[in-house]
Amino acid sequence: MILVESYFEFHMFFNCRNAVLALPILAFTSAYDPPCSLMMLLRYVKDSTSSRVSPP
């Protein structure tokens, strides 16, 4: 539960321009659960990169 709350806090406070900073911090704070952390990091990267692309 704490990991999920942390993920949403990072997602709210760090937009795609700060993803490079947010990802290492999130990885460090959630290092106790690597498989779950990796999945959440990948999802964050996917969300961040997809939000940069706007329809023509």
Protein backbone atom coordinates (compact mmCIF):
# COMPACT_ATOMS: atom_id res chain seq x y z
CA MET A 1 0.00 0.00 0.00
CA ILE A 2 2.82 2.41 0.83
CA LEU A 3 4.47 1.68 -2.52
CA VAL A 4 1.26 2.51 -4.40
CA GLU A 5 0.81 5.76 -2.47
CA SER A 6 4.42 6.72 -3.18
CA TYR A 7 3.96 5.99 -6.88
CA PHE A 8 0.92 8.25 -7.14
CA GLU A 9 2.66 11.02 -5.19
CA PHE A 10 5.58 10.91 -7.62
CA HIS A 11 3.24 10.77 -10.59
CA MET A 12 1.38 13.86 -9.34
CA PHE A 13 4.44 15.93 -8.42
CA PHE A 14 6.78 14.99 -11.26
CA ASN A 15 5.66 15.56 -14.82
CA CYS A 16 7.35 14.03 -17.85
CA ARG A 17 10.09 16.71 -17.86
CA ASN A 18 11.20 15.49 -14.42
CA ALA A 19 10.89 11.76 -15.13
CA VAL A 20 14.69 11.39 -15.21
CA LEU A 21 14.81 12.66 -11.63
CA ALA A 22 11.65 10.90 -10.42
CA LEU A 23 12.56 7.41 -11.60
CA PRO A 24 15.78 6.98 -9.57
CA ILE A 25 14.09 8.42 -6.47
CA LEU A 26 11.14 6.07 -6.85
CA ALA A 27 13.48 3.13 -7.41
CA PHE A 28 15.48 4.01 -4.30
CA THR A 29 12.43 4.48 -2.05
CA SER A 30 10.82 1.24 -3.19
CA ALA A 31 13.95 -0.94 -3.35
CA TYR A 32 12.48 -3.40 -0.82
CA ASP A 33 10.17 -4.82 -3.52
CA PRO A 34 12.15 -4.90 -6.80
CA PRO A 35 9.76 -6.82 -9.11
CA CYS A 36 6.79 -4.62 -8.27
CA SER A 37 8.96 -1.51 -8.38
CA LEU A 38 10.24 -2.39 -11.83
CA MET A 39 6.71 -2.81 -13.17
CA MET A 40 5.66 0.54 -11.72
CA LEU A 41 8.74 2.28 -13.11
CA LEU A 42 8.06 0.87 -16.57
CA ARG A 43 4.45 2.02 -16.34
CA TYR A 44 5.60 5.49 -15.25
CA VAL A 45 7.98 5.73 -18.21
CA LYS A 46 5.24 4.58 -20.58
CA ASP A 47 2.76 7.13 -19.18
CA SER A 48 5.34 9.92 -19.28
CA THR A 49 6.40 9.25 -22.85
CA SER A 50 2.86 8.78 -24.13
CA SER A 51 1.76 12.08 -22.58
CA ARG A 52 4.43 13.89 -24.61
CA VAL A 53 2.93 12.79 -27.92
CA SER A 54 -0.04 14.89 -28.94
CA PRO A 55 -2.38 14.01 -31.78
CA PRO A 56 -1.84 16.01 -35.01
